[in-house]
C-alpha atoms as a PDB file:
ATOM      1  CA  MET A   1     -56.480 -48.944 -16.009  1.00  0.00           C
ATOM      2  CA  LYS A   2     -56.102 -45.294 -16.914  1.00  0.00           C
ATOM      3  CA  TYR A   3     -52.429 -45.918 -17.875  1.00  0.00           C
ATOM      4  CA  TYR A   4     -53.369 -48.881 -20.131  1.00  0.00           C
ATOM      5  CA  PHE A   5     -56.077 -46.853 -21.838  1.00  0.00           C
ATOM      6  CA  LYS A   6     -53.576 -44.168 -22.571  1.00  0.00           C
ATOM      7  CA  ILE A   7     -51.273 -46.750 -24.211  1.00  0.00           C
ATOM      8  CA  VAL A   8     -54.255 -47.898 -26.369  1.00  0.00           C
ATOM      9  CA  TRP A   9     -55.156 -44.368 -27.366  1.00  0.00           C
ATOM     10  CA  ILE A  10     -51.537 -43.476 -28.277  1.00  0.00           C
ATOM     11  CA  SER A  11     -51.264 -46.658 -30.329  1.00  0.00           C
ATOM     12  CA  LEU A  12     -54.540 -45.869 -32.180  1.00  0.00           C
ATOM     13  CA  LEU A  13     -53.359 -42.231 -32.644  1.00  0.00           C
ATOM     14  CA  LEU A  14     -50.203 -43.400 -34.464  1.00  0.00           C
ATOM     15  CA  CYS A  15     -52.146 -46.073 -36.449  1.00  0.00           C
ATOM     16  CA  SER A  16     -54.634 -43.440 -37.551  1.00  0.00           C
ATOM     17  CA  TYR A  17     -51.811 -41.224 -38.854  1.00  0.00           C
ATOM     18  CA  LEU A  18     -50.084 -44.045 -40.754  1.00  0.00           C
ATOM     19  CA  ALA A  19     -53.202 -45.619 -42.164  1.00  0.00           C
ATOM     20  CA  PHE A  20     -55.284 -42.562 -43.161  1.00  0.00           C
ATOM     21  CA  SER A  21     -52.820 -39.807 -43.996  1.00  0.00           C
ATOM     22  CA  TYR A  22     -51.622 -41.163 -47.304  1.00  0.00           C
ATOM     23  CA  TYR A  23     -53.121 -42.690 -50.423  1.00  0.00           C
ATOM     24  CA  TYR A  24     -53.155 -46.328 -49.255  1.00  0.00           C
ATOM     25  CA  PHE A  25     -56.901 -46.669 -49.966  1.00  0.00           C
ATOM     26  CA  ASN A  26     -57.042 -44.329 -53.003  1.00  0.00           C
ATOM     27  CA  GLY A  27     -59.666 -42.119 -51.473  1.00  0.00           C
ATOM     28  CA  TRP A  28     -59.137 -38.358 -51.521  1.00  0.00           C
ATOM     29  CA  TRP A  29     -61.189 -38.025 -48.328  1.00  0.00           C
ATOM     30  CA  TYR A  30     -59.216 -40.501 -46.204  1.00  0.00           C
ATOM     31  CA  SER A  31     -56.704 -37.941 -44.984  1.00  0.00           C
ATOM     32  CA  SER A  32     -59.474 -35.827 -43.404  1.00  0.00           C
ATOM     33  CA  ILE A  33     -60.761 -39.015 -41.669  1.00  0.00           C
ATOM     34  CA  GLY A  34     -57.237 -39.379 -40.313  1.00  0.00           C
ATOM     35  CA  THR A  35     -57.307 -35.849 -39.043  1.00  0.00           C
ATOM     36  CA  GLY A  36     -60.573 -36.452 -37.248  1.00  0.00           C
ATOM     37  CA  LEU A  37     -59.281 -39.649 -35.634  1.00  0.00           C
ATOM     38  CA  ILE A  38     -56.048 -37.951 -34.592  1.00  0.00           C
ATOM     39  CA  LEU A  39     -58.014 -35.196 -32.892  1.00  0.00           C
ATOM     40  CA  VAL A  40     -60.369 -37.657 -31.144  1.00  0.00           C
ATOM     41  CA  PHE A  41     -57.558 -39.793 -29.792  1.00  0.00           C
ATOM     42  CA  SER A  42     -55.562 -36.675 -28.805  1.00  0.00           C
ATOM     43  CA  TYR A  43     -58.601 -35.482 -26.778  1.00  0.00           C
ATOM     44  CA  LEU A  44     -58.774 -38.971 -25.097  1.00  0.00           C
ATOM     45  CA  ILE A  45     -55.068 -38.734 -24.202  1.00  0.00           C
ATOM     46  CA  TRP A  46     -54.716 -35.086 -23.134  1.00  0.00           C
ATOM     47  CA  GLY A  47     -58.257 -33.972 -22.396  1.00  0.00           C
ATOM     48  CA  LYS A  48     -59.086 -30.287 -22.652  1.00  0.00           C
ATOM     49  CA  GLU A  49     -55.430 -29.418 -23.258  1.00  0.00           C
ATOM     50  CA  PHE A  50     -55.362 -31.430 -26.504  1.00  0.00           C
ATOM     51  CA  LEU A  51     -55.570 -28.397 -28.927  1.00  0.00           C
ATOM     52  CA  LYS A  52     -52.507 -26.896 -27.238  1.00  0.00           C
ATOM     53  CA  VAL A  53     -50.687 -30.195 -27.423  1.00  0.00           C
ATOM     54  CA  VAL A  54     -51.327 -30.775 -31.103  1.00  0.00           C
ATOM     55  CA  GLY A  55     -50.593 -27.155 -31.979  1.00  0.00           C
ATOM     56  CA  LEU A  56     -54.085 -26.121 -33.077  1.00  0.00           C
ATOM     57  CA  LYS A  57     -54.880 -23.545 -30.471  1.00  0.00           C
ATOM     58  CA  LEU A  58     -55.234 -20.644 -32.935  1.00  0.00           C
ATOM     59  CA  SER A  59     -56.869 -17.313 -32.812  1.00  0.00           C
ATOM     60  CA  ILE A  60     -58.951 -15.976 -35.729  1.00  0.00           C
ATOM     61  CA  LYS A  61     -56.084 -13.475 -36.498  1.00  0.00           C
ATOM     62  CA  THR A  62     -53.569 -16.335 -36.571  1.00  0.00           C
ATOM     63  CA  ILE A  63     -55.800 -18.379 -38.843  1.00  0.00           C
ATOM     64  CA  LEU A  64     -56.098 -15.521 -41.304  1.00  0.00           C
ATOM     65  CA  LYS A  65     -52.299 -14.965 -41.321  1.00  0.00           C
ATOM     66  CA  THR A  66     -51.835 -18.719 -41.801  1.00  0.00           C
ATOM     67  CA  ILE A  67     -54.075 -18.680 -44.932  1.00  0.00           C
ATOM     68  CA  LEU A  68     -52.316 -15.624 -46.277  1.00  0.00           C
ATOM     69  CA  LEU A  69     -48.935 -17.274 -45.776  1.00  0.00           C
ATOM     70  CA  ALA A  70     -50.142 -20.439 -47.458  1.00  0.00           C
ATOM     71  CA  ILE A  71     -51.262 -18.487 -50.437  1.00  0.00           C
ATOM     72  CA  CYS A  72     -47.998 -16.605 -50.725  1.00  0.00           C
ATOM     73  CA  THR A  73     -45.949 -19.863 -50.382  1.00  0.00           C
ATOM     74  CA  LEU A  74     -48.139 -21.550 -52.987  1.00  0.00           C
ATOM     75  CA  VAL A  75     -47.534 -18.820 -55.564  1.00  0.00           C
ATOM     76  CA  CYS A  76     -43.778 -18.801 -54.921  1.00  0.00           C
ATOM     77  CA  SER A  77     -43.647 -22.628 -55.079  1.00  0.00           C
ATOM     78  CA  LEU A  78     -45.577 -22.634 -58.391  1.00  0.00           C
ATOM     79  CA  LEU A  79     -43.046 -20.235 -59.906  1.00  0.00           C
ATOM     80  CA  LEU A  80     -40.005 -22.075 -58.559  1.00  0.00           C
ATOM     81  CA  ILE A  81     -41.265 -25.578 -59.417  1.00  0.00           C
ATOM     82  CA  LYS A  82     -42.139 -24.364 -62.982  1.00  0.00           C
ATOM     83  CA  TYR A  83     -38.646 -22.872 -63.255  1.00  0.00           C
ATOM     84  CA  ILE A  84     -36.861 -26.007 -62.089  1.00  0.00           C
ATOM     85  CA  GLY A  85     -39.214 -28.228 -64.108  1.00  0.00           C
ATOM     86  CA  SER A  86     -38.447 -26.312 -67.319  1.00  0.00           C
ATOM     87  CA  LYS A  87     -34.760 -27.015 -66.827  1.00  0.00           C
ATOM     88  CA  ASN A  88     -35.439 -30.742 -66.426  1.00  0.00           C
ATOM     89  CA  ASP A  89     -37.969 -31.026 -69.321  1.00  0.00           C
ATOM     90  CA  ILE A  90     -40.920 -31.558 -66.871  1.00  0.00           C
ATOM     91  CA  SER A  91     -44.388 -30.102 -67.388  1.00  0.00           C
ATOM     92  CA  ILE A  92     -46.913 -29.301 -64.623  1.00  0.00           C
ATOM     93  CA  LEU A  93     -50.624 -30.096 -64.957  1.00  0.00           C
ATOM     94  CA  PHE A  94     -53.308 -29.137 -62.446  1.00  0.00           C
ATOM     95  CA  THR A  95     -55.452 -31.987 -61.308  1.00  0.00           C
ATOM     96  CA  SER A  96     -58.715 -32.349 -59.277  1.00  0.00           C
ATOM     97  CA  LEU A  97     -60.008 -30.637 -56.208  1.00  0.00           C
ATOM     98  CA  GLY A  98     -59.943 -33.975 -54.439  1.00  0.00           C
ATOM     99  CA  ASN A  99     -56.102 -34.083 -54.656  1.00  0.00           C
ATOM    100  CA  TYR A 100     -55.807 -30.645 -53.175  1.00  0.00           C
ATOM    101  CA  TYR A 101     -58.328 -31.444 -50.422  1.00  0.00           C
ATOM    102  CA  HIS A 102     -56.272 -34.558 -49.611  1.00  0.00           C
ATOM    103  CA  ASP A 103     -53.095 -32.445 -49.360  1.00  0.00           C
ATOM    104  CA  VAL A 104     -54.697 -30.002 -46.802  1.00  0.00           C
ATOM    105  CA  PHE A 105     -55.277 -32.789 -44.340  1.00  0.00           C
ATOM    106  CA  TYR A 106     -52.381 -35.194 -44.918  1.00  0.00           C
ATOM    107  CA  ILE A 107     -49.980 -32.228 -44.336  1.00  0.00           C
ATOM    108  CA  LEU A 108     -51.972 -31.250 -41.290  1.00  0.00           C
ATOM    109  CA  ASN A 109     -51.592 -34.776 -39.950  1.00  0.00           C
ATOM    110  CA  GLU A 110     -47.780 -34.611 -40.505  1.00  0.00           C
ATOM    111  CA  GLU A 111     -47.531 -31.295 -38.780  1.00  0.00           C
ATOM    112  CA  ILE A 112     -49.453 -32.693 -35.768  1.00  0.00           C
ATOM    113  CA  ILE A 113     -47.636 -35.980 -35.380  1.00  0.00           C
ATOM    114  CA  LEU A 114     -44.114 -34.968 -36.533  1.00  0.00           C
ATOM    115  CA  GLY A 115     -44.214 -31.418 -35.230  1.00  0.00           C
ATOM    116  CA  GLY A 116     -46.824 -30.229 -32.783  1.00  0.00           C
ATOM    117  CA  ILE A 117     -47.097 -33.151 -30.398  1.00  0.00           C
ATOM    118  CA  PRO A 118     -43.358 -34.040 -30.023  1.00  0.00           C
ATOM    119  CA  ILE A 119     -42.360 -30.403 -29.747  1.00  0.00           C
ATOM    120  CA  PHE A 120     -44.920 -29.729 -27.009  1.00  0.00           C
ATOM    121  CA  LEU A 121     -43.932 -32.800 -25.053  1.00  0.00           C
ATOM    122  CA  LEU A 122     -40.181 -32.276 -25.385  1.00  0.00           C
ATOM    123  CA  VAL A 123     -40.041 -28.467 -24.920  1.00  0.00           C
ATOM    124  CA  SER A 124     -43.022 -27.628 -22.694  1.00  0.00           C
ATOM    125  CA  LYS A 125     -43.165 -30.793 -20.622  1.00  0.00           C
ATOM    126  CA  LEU A 126     -39.643 -32.162 -20.456  1.00  0.00           C
ATOM    127  CA  LYS A 127     -37.983 -28.743 -20.667  1.00  0.00           C
ATOM    128  CA  ILE A 128     -35.378 -29.818 -23.274  1.00  0.00           C
ATOM    129  CA  ASN A 129     -33.418 -27.114 -24.993  1.00  0.00           C
ATOM    130  CA  PRO A 130     -35.576 -25.864 -27.948  1.00  0.00           C
ATOM    131  CA  ILE A 131     -32.646 -25.741 -30.355  1.00  0.00           C
ATOM    132  CA  LYS A 132     -31.636 -29.378 -29.574  1.00  0.00           C
ATOM    133  CA  VAL A 133     -35.298 -30.372 -30.030  1.00  0.00           C
ATOM    134  CA  SER A 134     -35.542 -28.577 -33.357  1.00  0.00           C
ATOM    135  CA  ILE A 135     -32.412 -30.063 -34.801  1.00  0.00           C
ATOM    136  CA  GLY A 136     -33.140 -33.541 -33.408  1.00  0.00           C
ATOM    137  CA  LEU A 137     -36.678 -33.639 -34.831  1.00  0.00           C
ATOM    138  CA  ALA A 138     -35.502 -32.217 -38.146  1.00  0.00           C
ATOM    139  CA  LEU A 139     -33.001 -35.058 -38.396  1.00  0.00           C
ATOM    140  CA  ILE A 140     -35.799 -37.557 -37.672  1.00  0.00           C
ATOM    141  CA  PHE A 141     -37.995 -35.817 -40.235  1.00  0.00           C
ATOM    142  CA  ALA A 142     -35.414 -36.433 -42.934  1.00  0.00           C
ATOM    143  CA  ILE A 143     -34.718 -39.983 -41.862  1.00  0.00           C
ATOM    144  CA  VAL A 144     -38.439 -40.790 -41.835  1.00  0.00           C
ATOM    145  CA  HIS A 145     -38.736 -39.616 -45.484  1.00  0.00           C
ATOM    146  CA  PHE A 146     -35.836 -41.803 -46.478  1.00  0.00           C
ATOM    147  CA  ALA A 147     -37.225 -44.871 -44.663  1.00  0.00           C
ATOM    148  CA  PHE A 148     -40.831 -44.432 -45.837  1.00  0.00           C
ATOM    149  CA  TYR A 149     -39.917 -44.039 -49.477  1.00  0.00           C
ATOM    150  CA  LYS A 150     -37.423 -46.964 -49.303  1.00  0.00           C
ATOM    151  CA  TRP A 151     -39.692 -49.405 -47.409  1.00  0.00           C
ATOM    152  CA  VAL A 152     -43.223 -48.134 -46.701  1.00  0.00           C
ATOM    153  CA  PHE A 153     -44.832 -46.031 -49.397  1.00  0.00           C
ATOM    154  CA  ILE A 154     -46.291 -47.573 -52.581  1.00  0.00           C
ATOM    155  CA  ASP A 155     -44.212 -45.270 -54.814  1.00  0.00           C
ATOM    156  CA  ARG A 156     -40.748 -46.342 -53.577  1.00  0.00           C
ATOM    157  CA  GLY A 157     -37.313 -45.059 -54.377  1.00  0.00           C
ATOM    158  CA  ILE A 158     -34.123 -43.663 -52.896  1.00  0.00           C
ATOM    159  CA  ILE A 159     -34.056 -40.153 -51.510  1.00  0.00           C
ATOM    160  CA  GLU A 160     -30.657 -38.689 -52.275  1.00  0.00           C
ATOM    161  CA  PHE A 161     -28.294 -37.089 -49.752  1.00  0.00           C
ATOM    162  CA  GLN A 162     -28.658 -33.482 -50.955  1.00  0.00           C
ATOM    163  CA  THR A 163     -32.440 -33.909 -50.836  1.00  0.00           C
ATOM    164  CA  LEU A 164     -32.250 -35.305 -47.279  1.00  0.00           C
ATOM    165  CA  PHE A 165     -30.070 -32.384 -46.189  1.00  0.00           C
ATOM    166  CA  THR A 166     -32.628 -29.884 -47.683  1.00  0.00           C
ATOM    167  CA  LEU A 167     -35.341 -31.834 -45.819  1.00  0.00           C
ATOM    168  CA  PHE A 168     -33.345 -31.472 -42.594  1.00  0.00           C
ATOM    169  CA  LEU A 169     -33.051 -27.740 -43.080  1.00  0.00           C
ATOM    170  CA  VAL A 170     -36.718 -27.448 -43.947  1.00  0.00           C
ATOM    171  CA  GLY A 171     -37.479 -29.423 -40.788  1.00  0.00           C
ATOM    172  CA  ILE A 172     -35.509 -26.921 -38.754  1.00  0.00           C
ATOM    173  CA  VAL A 173     -37.570 -24.078 -40.225  1.00  0.00           C
ATOM    174  CA  ARG A 174     -40.882 -25.817 -39.488  1.00  0.00           C
ATOM    175  CA  ASN A 175     -39.838 -26.776 -35.987  1.00  0.00           C
ATOM    176  CA  ASN A 176     -38.613 -23.271 -35.148  1.00  0.00           C
ATOM    177  CA  LEU A 177     -41.857 -21.749 -36.358  1.00  0.00           C
ATOM    178  CA  ILE A 178     -43.791 -24.189 -34.048  1.00  0.00           C
ATOM    179  CA  ILE A 179     -41.557 -23.540 -31.018  1.00  0.00           C
ATOM    180  CA  VAL A 180     -41.583 -19.731 -31.336  1.00  0.00           C
ATOM    181  CA  ASN A 181     -45.294 -19.338 -32.138  1.00  0.00           C
ATOM    182  CA  LYS A 182     -46.506 -22.315 -30.080  1.00  0.00           C
ATOM    183  CA  HIS A 183     -48.832 -23.597 -32.880  1.00  0.00           C
ATOM    184  CA  ILE A 184     -48.484 -25.417 -36.200  1.00  0.00           C
ATOM    185  CA  GLY A 185     -50.295 -22.840 -38.342  1.00  0.00           C
ATOM    186  CA  TYR A 186     -47.359 -21.109 -40.021  1.00  0.00           C
ATOM    187  CA  SER A 187     -45.443 -24.386 -40.358  1.00  0.00           C
ATOM    188  CA  TRP A 188     -48.474 -25.994 -42.055  1.00  0.00           C
ATOM    189  CA  ALA A 189     -48.746 -22.998 -44.413  1.00  0.00           C
ATOM    190  CA  LEU A 190     -45.188 -23.355 -45.702  1.00  0.00           C
ATOM    191  CA  HIS A 191     -45.518 -27.098 -45.951  1.00  0.00           C
ATOM    192  CA  PHE A 192     -48.831 -26.967 -47.737  1.00  0.00           C
ATOM    193  CA  GLY A 193     -47.865 -24.172 -50.141  1.00  0.00           C
ATOM    194  CA  TRP A 194     -44.926 -26.282 -51.398  1.00  0.00           C
ATOM    195  CA  MET A 195     -46.441 -29.817 -51.332  1.00  0.00           C
ATOM    196  CA  VAL A 196     -49.765 -28.903 -52.950  1.00  0.00           C
ATOM    197  CA  ILE A 197     -47.928 -27.987 -56.164  1.00  0.00           C
ATOM    198  CA  LEU A 198     -45.225 -30.736 -55.952  1.00  0.00           C
ATOM    199  CA  PHE A 199     -47.664 -33.591 -55.169  1.00  0.00           C
ATOM    200  CA  GLY A 200     -51.197 -32.199 -55.719  1.00  0.00           C
ATOM    201  CA  CYS A 201     -50.311 -31.439 -59.356  1.00  0.00           C
ATOM    202  CA  LEU A 202     -49.357 -33.934 -62.071  1.00  0.00           C
ATOM    203  CA  LEU A 203     -45.695 -33.726 -63.135  1.00  0.00           C
ATOM    204  CA  ILE A 204     -44.907 -35.227 -66.515  1.00  0.00           C
ATOM    205  CA  TRP A 205     -41.657 -35.994 -68.366  1.00  0.00           C
ATOM    206  CA  VAL A 206     -42.195 -34.203 -71.646  1.00  0.00           C
ATOM    207  CA  GLU A 207     -39.966 -36.523 -73.667  1.00  0.00           C
ATOM    208  CA  THR A 208     -41.592 -39.784 -72.579  1.00  0.00           C
ATOM    209  CA  ASP A 209     -45.002 -38.503 -71.499  1.00  0.00           C
ATOM    210  CA  THR A 210     -44.679 -40.507 -68.245  1.00  0.00           C
ATOM    211  CA  VAL A 211     -45.417 -39.386 -64.667  1.00  0.00           C
ATOM    212  CA  VAL A 212     -42.549 -38.192 -62.490  1.00  0.00           C
ATOM    213  CA  THR A 213     -42.464 -40.528 -59.481  1.00  0.00           C
ATOM    214  CA  GLU A 214     -42.601 -39.149 -55.905  1.00  0.00           C
ATOM    215  CA  PRO A 215     -38.933 -39.950 -55.114  1.00  0.00           C
ATOM    216  CA  GLU A 216     -37.929 -38.284 -58.407  1.00  0.00           C
ATOM    217  CA  ARG A 217     -39.951 -35.207 -57.446  1.00  0.00           C
ATOM    218  CA  PHE A 218     -38.153 -34.966 -54.158  1.00  0.00           C
ATOM    219  CA  ASN A 219     -34.714 -35.441 -55.704  1.00  0.00           C
ATOM    220  CA  ILE A 220     -35.285 -33.047 -58.639  1.00  0.00           C
ATOM    221  CA  PHE A 221     -37.068 -30.225 -56.920  1.00  0.00           C
ATOM    222  CA  LEU A 222     -36.295 -30.345 -53.180  1.00  0.00           C
ATOM    223  CA  GLY A 223     -32.812 -31.600 -53.914  1.00  0.00           C
ATOM    224  CA  SER A 224     -32.139 -28.768 -56.403  1.00  0.00           C
ATOM    225  CA  THR A 225     -29.441 -26.179 -55.802  1.00  0.00           C
ATOM    226  CA  GLU A 226     -32.083 -23.445 -55.693  1.00  0.00           C
ATOM    227  CA  MET A 227     -34.081 -25.108 -52.878  1.00  0.00           C
ATOM    228  CA  LEU A 228     -30.803 -25.919 -51.021  1.00  0.00           C
ATOM    229  CA  ILE A 229     -29.770 -22.262 -50.987  1.00  0.00           C
ATOM    230  CA  ILE A 230     -33.276 -21.118 -50.024  1.00  0.00           C
ATOM    231  CA  SER A 231     -33.427 -23.677 -47.220  1.00  0.00           C
ATOM    232  CA  ILE A 232     -30.044 -22.682 -45.855  1.00  0.00           C
ATOM    233  CA  VAL A 233     -31.106 -19.053 -45.721  1.00  0.00           C
ATOM    234  CA  LEU A 234     -34.473 -19.813 -44.126  1.00  0.00           C
ATOM    235  CA  ALA A 235     -32.950 -22.230 -41.569  1.00  0.00           C
ATOM    236  CA  GLY A 236     -30.313 -19.616 -40.588  1.00  0.00           C
ATOM    237  CA  VAL A 237     -32.871 -16.867 -40.256  1.00  0.00           C
ATOM    238  CA  SER A 238     -35.258 -18.996 -38.258  1.00  0.00           C
ATOM    239  CA  LEU A 239     -32.482 -20.135 -35.891  1.00  0.00           C
ATOM    240  CA  ILE A 240     -31.378 -16.536 -35.246  1.00  0.00           C
ATOM    241  CA  HIS A 241     -35.095 -15.527 -34.741  1.00  0.00           C
ATOM    242  CA  MET A 242     -35.600 -18.366 -32.277  1.00  0.00           C
ATOM    243  CA  VAL A 243     -32.459 -17.549 -30.315  1.00  0.00           C
ATOM    244  CA  LEU A 244     -33.550 -13.974 -30.009  1.00  0.00           C
ATOM    245  CA  SER A 245     -37.090 -14.884 -29.000  1.00  0.00           C
ATOM    246  CA  GLN A 246     -35.818 -17.250 -26.344  1.00  0.00           C
ATOM    247  CA  ASN A 247     -33.393 -14.615 -24.990  1.00  0.00           C
ATOM    248  CA  PRO A 248     -35.118 -11.265 -25.224  1.00  0.00           C
ATOM    249  CA  LYS A 249     -33.182  -8.169 -24.097  1.00  0.00           C
ATOM    250  CA  LYS A 250     -33.746  -7.413 -20.463  1.00  0.00           C
ATOM    251  CA  LYS A 251     -35.887  -4.320 -20.036  1.00  0.00           C
ATOM    252  CA  ILE A 252     -34.252  -1.534 -18.043  1.00  0.00           C
ATOM    253  CA  THR A 253     -36.388  -0.497 -15.019  1.00  0.00           C
ATOM    254  CA  LYS A 254     -36.184   2.446 -12.730  1.00  0.00           C
ATOM    255  CA  THR A 255     -34.650   0.176 -10.106  1.00  0.00           C
ATOM    256  CA  ASP A 256     -31.891  -0.864 -12.464  1.00  0.00           C
ATOM    257  CA  VAL A 257     -31.134   2.781 -13.131  1.00  0.00           C
ATOM    258  CA  SER A 258     -31.020   3.692  -9.482  1.00  0.00           C
ATOM    259  CA  ASN A 259     -28.757   0.812  -8.742  1.00  0.00           C
END
């Protein structure tokens, strides 16, 4: 019976993510309901270990560093998106607190379901090579965006190849942060700082005074040459950092010297 209950809890966990993370019901608070349900079902599945599994076992110091990183990323994202927007005749308007509240939790839900849980199970439980896990999940991350915008989301469209490649690189950066630090805090901060501007704000085509669709936002901003270069650099640095963290230099002891 315990096995069957786990199957039910896992199914409800995934349904909670899909049903409550996005704007299907047009309620700014629904994403936080999704977070609550995800945590409840995670507890029912993994018990007292659930915070470690979902990547939310954070110290006060880590939480403060996460908030600081989110603020820094937000400022940089605002400047970059304004720059790219000006080149494409797109203006950026700030919206309501409800939109930004929604972004906090829908991004948290993505980090848990697409980052924290699978990375913990694959790396910590199944002992699969972290680099293979990072690259594999990053590929899935890009494919999921393509599939969701083509067939699932209300605002549908085609995500272009260069955008998908940038998403793949960003996925590597996020995964590496989670693997090295064993929590989703810093990954969430980077994700939130970018998405709260790109999707929390209103982007308008100046010439036609119409809203830029979500697929268009991905292709114009994430698929830009600027973001591609930034993503290549960040992915390269994060891979080097992860390799070094997984293979620290062996400390020389007195025994080694005597031998």
